[in-house]
Amino acid sequence: MTLKTHFTPELFQFLLDLRANNNRQWFNANKDCYNKHVKEPLLRFIEDFEQPLHAISEHFVADPRVNGGSMFRIYRDVRFSKDKSPYKTQAAAQFRHEAGKTAHAPGFYLHLAPGEVGAGVGLWRPDMPTLTKIRNTIVDDPDRWTEVSKDAGFRSVFSLVGESLKRAPKGFDPDHPQIEDLRRKDHIAWVDFDEEEATSPGFLEEFADVCRQSVPYMGFLTTAVGLPF
């Protein structure tokens, strides 16, 4: 099988230049470069990832549409931000569950930025009813949660990241053996790559491989919130 290269060093150079020139005038003058080296390669990656993704689970979506698909828009929402820079300085895609309407749904995530390449799996900042379902499932089946979240093979690849409460959530025992996980506001497992890996032939297969390694963890979280995996 011939391995395909999706991303090139030009993607990271464009994003690095954008950091130094985060304004509409510069972006509009360099939009062809953005399309050629960032947007179009990422859309091809999303399209090519559909088959490996569905081999993991048919309930997750790889949508290569420009708007409303798996690719995050380059434009920042600055309405409630003190930082009025109009553009994001990373390229990213989320392959979320078919039932999910926002980035808070269970999903697989790809992040591409200069010096910051990585993959994430899980749920970022779920709403309180969803988070409570996860917490209750951990309490109801602590052995299974320990098995999937502390598995040596899984933890040799992934680190659990995200924000946590300082105290036990309301209604949960502060002395519970799983209190560290019950305090989590995010349930995200993360693995770092580097730019050389991201621009190498076969990076899609490498990304798919780490997604496959997360299946027990992702399966636990997805079914905990009442969705099929």
Protein backbone atom coordinates (compact mmCIF):
# COMPACT_ATOMS: atom_id res chain seq x y z
CA MET A 1 0.00 0.00 0.00
CA THR A 2 1.31 3.45 -0.94
CA LEU A 3 1.23 5.81 2.02
CA LYS A 4 -0.11 9.29 1.34
CA THR A 5 1.29 12.57 2.59
CA HIS A 6 -1.47 15.00 3.54
CA PHE A 7 0.38 17.80 5.31
CA THR A 8 3.57 19.62 4.40
CA PRO A 9 5.89 21.99 6.30
CA GLU A 10 4.15 24.84 4.47
CA LEU A 11 1.08 24.28 6.66
CA PHE A 12 3.08 25.02 9.79
CA GLN A 13 4.92 27.92 8.16
CA PHE A 14 1.64 29.54 7.17
CA LEU A 15 0.29 29.21 10.71
CA LEU A 16 3.55 30.58 12.13
CA ASP A 17 3.33 33.58 9.80
CA LEU A 18 -0.30 34.04 10.77
CA ARG A 19 0.71 34.31 14.42
CA ALA A 20 2.84 37.32 13.50
CA ASN A 21 0.26 38.82 11.12
CA ASN A 22 -3.13 38.06 12.64
CA ASN A 23 -5.15 40.62 10.72
CA ARG A 24 -7.58 40.56 7.81
CA GLN A 25 -5.38 42.47 5.41
CA TRP A 26 -2.53 39.94 5.66
CA PHE A 27 -4.84 36.94 5.63
CA ASN A 28 -6.73 38.11 2.55
CA ALA A 29 -3.44 38.71 0.75
CA ASN A 30 -2.32 35.17 1.63
CA LYS A 31 -5.64 33.33 1.36
CA ASP A 32 -4.51 31.26 -1.62
CA CYS A 33 -1.64 29.96 0.51
CA TYR A 34 -4.08 29.11 3.29
CA ASN A 35 -6.34 27.24 0.89
CA LYS A 36 -3.47 25.32 -0.73
CA HIS A 37 -1.48 24.37 2.34
CA VAL A 38 -4.00 24.27 5.19
CA LYS A 39 -7.66 24.01 4.24
CA GLU A 40 -7.48 21.69 1.24
CA PRO A 41 -5.01 19.19 2.80
CA LEU A 42 -7.09 19.04 5.98
CA LEU A 43 -10.27 18.40 4.01
CA ARG A 44 -8.51 15.60 2.11
CA PHE A 45 -7.34 14.11 5.41
CA ILE A 46 -10.91 14.18 6.73
CA GLU A 47 -12.25 12.52 3.61
CA ASP A 48 -9.56 9.82 3.65
CA PHE A 49 -10.09 9.17 7.35
CA GLU A 50 -13.71 8.10 6.90
CA GLN A 51 -12.90 4.46 6.17
CA PRO A 52 -10.46 3.95 9.09
CA LEU A 53 -12.86 5.80 11.38
CA HIS A 54 -15.82 3.61 10.46
CA ALA A 55 -13.66 0.53 11.04
CA ILE A 56 -13.37 1.81 14.63
CA SER A 57 -17.04 2.77 14.97
CA GLU A 58 -19.70 3.59 12.40
CA HIS A 59 -21.26 6.02 14.86
CA PHE A 60 -18.56 8.67 14.37
CA VAL A 61 -18.48 11.06 11.44
CA ALA A 62 -15.76 12.25 9.06
CA ASP A 63 -17.43 15.11 7.19
CA PRO A 64 -15.28 16.93 4.60
CA ARG A 65 -17.69 19.82 4.04
CA VAL A 66 -16.10 23.26 4.24
CA ASN A 67 -18.85 24.58 6.51
CA GLY A 68 -20.53 22.47 9.18
CA GLY A 69 -18.22 19.50 8.74
CA SER A 70 -15.37 18.01 10.75
CA MET A 71 -12.93 20.87 10.09
CA PHE A 72 -12.88 23.73 12.55
CA ARG A 73 -13.20 27.14 10.92
CA ILE A 74 -10.13 29.37 10.87
CA TYR A 75 -12.21 32.32 12.03
CA ARG A 76 -12.32 33.06 15.75
CA ASP A 77 -15.50 33.99 17.60
CA VAL A 78 -14.37 37.25 19.19
CA ARG A 79 -17.76 38.44 20.49
CA PHE A 80 -16.97 37.69 24.14
CA SER A 81 -13.18 37.74 24.02
CA LYS A 82 -10.76 40.48 24.98
CA ASP A 83 -8.46 39.11 22.27
CA LYS A 84 -9.89 40.43 19.01
CA SER A 85 -7.44 38.59 16.75
CA PRO A 86 -9.69 37.40 13.92
CA TYR A 87 -8.01 34.06 13.11
CA LYS A 88 -7.08 30.86 14.89
CA THR A 89 -3.42 29.96 14.56
CA GLN A 90 -4.04 26.20 14.45
CA ALA A 91 -5.77 23.83 12.08
CA ALA A 92 -8.02 21.22 13.65
CA ALA A 93 -10.67 18.61 13.01
CA GLN A 94 -13.07 16.76 15.25
CA PHE A 95 -14.60 13.44 14.25
CA ARG A 96 -17.58 13.58 16.58
CA HIS A 97 -20.37 11.16 17.35
CA GLU A 98 -23.25 11.20 14.88
CA ALA A 99 -25.57 12.32 17.69
CA GLY A 100 -23.36 15.25 18.61
CA LYS A 101 -24.12 18.76 17.42
CA THR A 102 -21.20 20.60 19.02
CA ALA A 103 -17.54 20.17 19.93
CA HIS A 104 -18.67 18.97 23.39
CA ALA A 105 -19.80 15.59 22.00
CA PRO A 106 -17.69 12.41 22.21
CA GLY A 107 -15.12 12.50 19.46
CA PHE A 108 -11.64 12.02 18.08
CA TYR A 109 -9.66 15.24 17.61
CA LEU A 110 -6.66 16.28 15.49
CA HIS A 111 -4.69 19.44 16.34
CA LEU A 112 -2.07 20.98 14.06
CA ALA A 113 -0.10 24.04 15.14
CA PRO A 114 3.58 25.05 15.06
CA GLY A 115 5.21 23.06 17.84
CA GLU A 116 1.81 21.77 19.00
CA VAL A 117 0.69 18.66 17.15
CA GLY A 118 -1.52 16.14 18.88
CA ALA A 119 -4.55 13.90 18.99
CA GLY A 120 -7.27 13.89 21.60
CA VAL A 121 -10.12 11.51 22.35
CA GLY A 122 -13.07 11.85 24.69
CA LEU A 123 -15.34 14.72 25.72
CA TRP A 124 -14.28 18.33 26.19
CA ARG A 125 -16.32 20.35 28.70
CA PRO A 126 -19.58 18.35 28.49
CA ASP A 127 -22.69 19.92 29.99
CA MET A 128 -23.66 19.03 33.56
CA PRO A 129 -26.26 16.33 32.74
CA THR A 130 -23.74 14.59 30.47
CA LEU A 131 -20.92 14.89 33.00
CA THR A 132 -23.17 13.54 35.74
CA LYS A 133 -23.93 10.47 33.62
CA ILE A 134 -20.20 9.79 33.31
CA ARG A 135 -19.65 10.27 37.04
CA ASN A 136 -22.54 7.96 37.90
CA THR A 137 -21.24 5.28 35.53
CA ILE A 138 -17.78 5.48 37.12
CA VAL A 139 -19.39 5.01 40.55
CA ASP A 140 -21.57 2.15 39.31
CA ASP A 141 -18.72 0.31 37.58
CA PRO A 142 -15.43 1.45 39.11
CA ASP A 143 -13.57 -1.71 38.15
CA ARG A 144 -14.37 -1.24 34.47
CA TRP A 145 -13.38 2.43 34.62
CA THR A 146 -10.07 1.52 36.23
CA GLU A 147 -9.51 -1.14 33.59
CA VAL A 148 -10.00 1.22 30.64
CA SER A 149 -8.46 4.41 32.07
CA LYS A 150 -5.44 2.89 33.82
CA ASP A 151 -4.62 0.18 31.27
CA ALA A 152 -0.84 0.06 30.84
CA GLY A 153 -1.00 -0.04 27.04
CA PHE A 154 -3.43 2.87 26.89
CA ARG A 155 -1.47 5.00 29.35
CA SER A 156 1.80 4.29 27.57
CA VAL A 157 0.31 6.24 24.65
CA PHE A 158 -2.18 8.66 26.21
CA SER A 159 -2.18 11.11 29.11
CA LEU A 160 -5.43 12.15 30.77
CA VAL A 161 -5.73 15.93 30.58
CA GLY A 162 -8.28 18.69 31.14
CA GLU A 163 -9.65 20.73 34.02
CA SER A 164 -10.96 19.41 37.33
CA LEU A 165 -12.95 20.71 40.26
CA LYS A 166 -11.00 21.51 43.42
CA ARG A 167 -13.54 19.63 45.53
CA ALA A 168 -15.78 16.63 45.09
CA PRO A 169 -18.82 17.34 42.91
CA LYS A 170 -22.08 17.78 44.77
CA GLY A 171 -23.64 14.45 45.67
CA PHE A 172 -20.43 12.42 45.38
CA ASP A 173 -18.36 11.01 48.21
CA PRO A 174 -15.13 13.03 48.64
CA ASP A 175 -13.46 9.83 49.88
CA HIS A 176 -14.48 7.75 46.88
CA PRO A 177 -11.51 5.76 45.47
CA GLN A 178 -12.14 7.35 42.04
CA ILE A 179 -12.53 10.90 43.36
CA GLU A 180 -9.73 12.22 41.12
CA ASP A 181 -11.72 11.18 38.07
CA LEU A 182 -15.07 12.20 39.55
CA ARG A 183 -13.72 15.74 39.91
CA ARG A 184 -12.91 15.99 36.20
CA LYS A 185 -14.73 18.62 34.12
CA ASP A 186 -13.19 17.19 30.94
CA HIS A 187 -12.66 13.57 30.00
CA ILE A 188 -9.87 13.82 27.46
CA ALA A 189 -6.95 11.55 26.66
CA TRP A 190 -4.15 13.18 24.70
CA VAL A 191 -1.10 12.07 22.72
CA ASP A 192 1.57 14.37 21.29
CA PHE A 193 3.06 14.15 17.82
CA ASP A 194 5.58 16.44 16.17
CA GLU A 195 5.65 18.28 12.87
CA GLU A 196 7.94 15.72 11.29
CA GLU A 197 5.46 12.94 12.03
CA ALA A 198 2.51 15.03 10.81
CA THR A 199 4.22 15.72 7.48
CA SER A 200 5.38 12.14 6.93
CA PRO A 201 3.72 9.62 4.61
CA GLY A 202 1.33 7.49 6.61
CA PHE A 203 0.46 10.02 9.29
CA LEU A 204 -3.22 9.24 8.73
CA GLU A 205 -2.51 5.60 9.58
CA GLU A 206 -0.57 6.68 12.68
CA PHE A 207 -3.47 8.87 13.79
CA ALA A 208 -5.92 6.01 13.12
CA ASP A 209 -3.74 3.66 15.17
CA VAL A 210 -3.86 5.83 18.29
CA CYS A 211 -7.62 6.23 17.83
CA ARG A 212 -7.92 2.44 17.76
CA GLN A 213 -5.90 2.17 20.96
CA SER A 214 -8.42 4.43 22.68
CA VAL A 215 -11.44 2.22 21.89
CA PRO A 216 -12.04 0.81 25.42
CA TYR A 217 -11.79 4.31 26.95
CA MET A 218 -13.94 5.89 24.23
CA GLY A 219 -16.43 3.05 24.41
CA PHE A 220 -16.86 3.53 28.16
CA LEU A 221 -17.43 7.30 27.86
CA THR A 222 -19.71 7.08 24.84
CA THR A 223 -22.01 4.44 26.31
CA ALA A 224 -21.93 6.18 29.69
CA VAL A 225 -23.68 9.17 28.14
CA GLY A 226 -26.29 6.91 26.52
CA LEU A 227 -24.93 6.75 22.99
CA PRO A 228 -24.04 3.68 20.92
CA PHE A 229 -20.41 2.89 20.26
